[in-house]
Amino acid sequence: MGREHEFAELIVSRKMLESFPATRSAYRSRESAPELDKTIDRLRKKIKWHIAHSLSKRQKEVIRLYMLGKKEREIAGILGIKQQVVNIYKWRAIKKLQKVLTAEVYVK
């Protein structure tokens, strides 16, 4: 597996992103390495855009602090909420981003 923090605000493994183009069509040929890198760069930009525009204010705060290396307990203390609530915000943000990005991959 590649670096998991490669995509700034969201933990997404390179292997997961590489599987998106392959799952779009059973008949699609495997992309060459430069084309695959372009696809990953395009998806990285979309992730950043959707973090800025698709998430709630609190989800953005939690994801930002999480990506700065803070643990859920630390984030809870900083934001003045319970650790379980931090976990809920984090997973809802990730699910929302997965849903949006998966839909965009299949539309193209």
Protein backbone atom coordinates (compact mmCIF):
# COMPACT_ATOMS: atom_id res chain seq x y z
CA MET A 1 0.00 0.00 0.00
CA GLY A 2 1.08 3.55 -0.67
CA ARG A 3 1.11 6.49 1.66
CA GLU A 4 -2.32 6.79 3.22
CA HIS A 5 -2.01 10.53 3.98
CA GLU A 6 -1.19 11.39 0.37
CA PHE A 7 -4.54 13.05 -0.16
CA ALA A 8 -4.28 15.88 2.38
CA GLU A 9 -7.62 16.05 4.16
CA LEU A 10 -8.78 12.45 3.81
CA ILE A 11 -7.22 9.05 4.36
CA VAL A 12 -7.48 7.28 1.05
CA SER A 13 -5.05 4.60 0.03
CA ARG A 14 -3.49 4.67 -3.44
CA LYS A 15 -4.73 1.12 -3.99
CA MET A 16 -8.35 2.27 -3.44
CA LEU A 17 -8.00 5.09 -5.95
CA GLU A 18 -6.32 2.80 -8.47
CA SER A 19 -9.32 0.49 -8.27
CA PHE A 20 -11.80 3.24 -9.26
CA PRO A 21 -10.86 3.37 -12.96
CA ALA A 22 -10.75 -0.43 -13.16
CA THR A 23 -14.22 -0.84 -11.64
CA ARG A 24 -15.86 1.63 -14.00
CA SER A 25 -16.17 -0.92 -16.77
CA ALA A 26 -15.42 -4.62 -17.07
CA TYR A 27 -14.22 -4.02 -20.63
CA ARG A 28 -11.88 -1.14 -19.91
CA SER A 29 -8.21 -1.78 -20.47
CA ARG A 30 -5.66 -1.03 -17.77
CA GLU A 31 -4.32 2.51 -17.95
CA SER A 32 -0.61 3.16 -18.35
CA ALA A 33 1.27 4.64 -15.38
CA PRO A 34 1.25 8.31 -16.57
CA GLU A 35 -2.47 8.14 -17.32
CA LEU A 36 -3.10 6.54 -13.96
CA ASP A 37 -1.15 9.31 -12.23
CA LYS A 38 -3.29 11.90 -14.05
CA THR A 39 -6.44 10.10 -12.90
CA ILE A 40 -5.21 10.04 -9.30
CA ASP A 41 -4.29 13.75 -9.49
CA ARG A 42 -7.76 14.54 -10.86
CA LEU A 43 -9.40 12.59 -8.04
CA ARG A 44 -7.15 14.31 -5.47
CA LYS A 45 -8.38 17.70 -6.73
CA LYS A 46 -11.99 16.53 -6.55
CA ILE A 47 -11.50 15.31 -2.98
CA LYS A 48 -10.11 18.71 -1.95
CA TRP A 49 -12.96 20.52 -3.72
CA HIS A 50 -15.63 18.34 -2.10
CA ILE A 51 -14.05 18.74 1.33
CA ALA A 52 -14.36 22.49 0.89
CA HIS A 53 -17.88 22.44 -0.58
CA SER A 54 -19.71 19.22 0.42
CA LEU A 55 -18.95 18.85 4.12
CA SER A 56 -20.49 20.66 7.03
CA LYS A 57 -18.38 23.12 9.00
CA ARG A 58 -17.96 20.67 11.87
CA GLN A 59 -17.04 17.79 9.55
CA LYS A 60 -14.34 19.97 7.98
CA GLU A 61 -12.96 20.87 11.40
CA VAL A 62 -12.81 17.23 12.48
CA ILE A 63 -11.19 16.05 9.23
CA ARG A 64 -8.65 18.91 9.32
CA LEU A 65 -7.63 18.14 12.90
CA TYR A 66 -7.56 14.42 12.19
CA MET A 67 -5.24 14.95 9.24
CA LEU A 68 -2.97 17.12 11.41
CA GLY A 69 -2.34 13.94 13.40
CA LYS A 70 -4.69 14.58 16.30
CA LYS A 71 -6.38 11.62 17.95
CA GLU A 72 -10.16 11.51 18.43
CA ARG A 73 -9.77 12.23 22.15
CA GLU A 74 -7.64 15.32 21.43
CA ILE A 75 -10.08 16.55 18.78
CA ALA A 76 -12.94 16.13 21.23
CA GLY A 77 -11.10 18.28 23.76
CA ILE A 78 -10.29 20.98 21.22
CA LEU A 79 -13.85 21.17 19.88
CA GLY A 80 -15.57 20.64 23.24
CA ILE A 81 -17.53 17.57 22.15
CA LYS A 82 -17.49 13.87 23.07
CA GLN A 83 -15.08 11.45 21.43
CA GLN A 84 -17.98 9.42 20.02
CA VAL A 85 -19.32 12.54 18.30
CA VAL A 86 -15.91 13.13 16.71
CA ASN A 87 -16.01 9.58 15.38
CA ILE A 88 -19.49 10.14 13.95
CA TYR A 89 -18.45 13.37 12.21
CA LYS A 90 -15.36 11.70 10.78
CA TRP A 91 -17.17 8.67 9.37
CA ARG A 92 -20.07 10.70 7.99
CA ALA A 93 -17.58 12.96 6.19
CA ILE A 94 -15.72 9.97 4.75
CA LYS A 95 -18.95 8.28 3.62
CA LYS A 96 -20.18 11.51 2.03
CA LEU A 97 -16.91 11.93 0.12
CA GLN A 98 -16.90 8.30 -1.00
CA LYS A 99 -20.47 8.62 -2.27
CA VAL A 100 -19.75 11.81 -4.20
CA LEU A 101 -16.50 10.55 -5.71
CA THR A 102 -17.88 7.14 -6.65
CA ALA A 103 -20.81 8.81 -8.40
CA GLU A 104 -18.46 11.08 -10.35
CA VAL A 105 -16.24 8.19 -11.43
CA TYR A 106 -19.21 6.26 -12.81
CA VAL A 107 -20.69 9.30 -14.56
CA LYS A 108 -17.58 10.03 -16.59
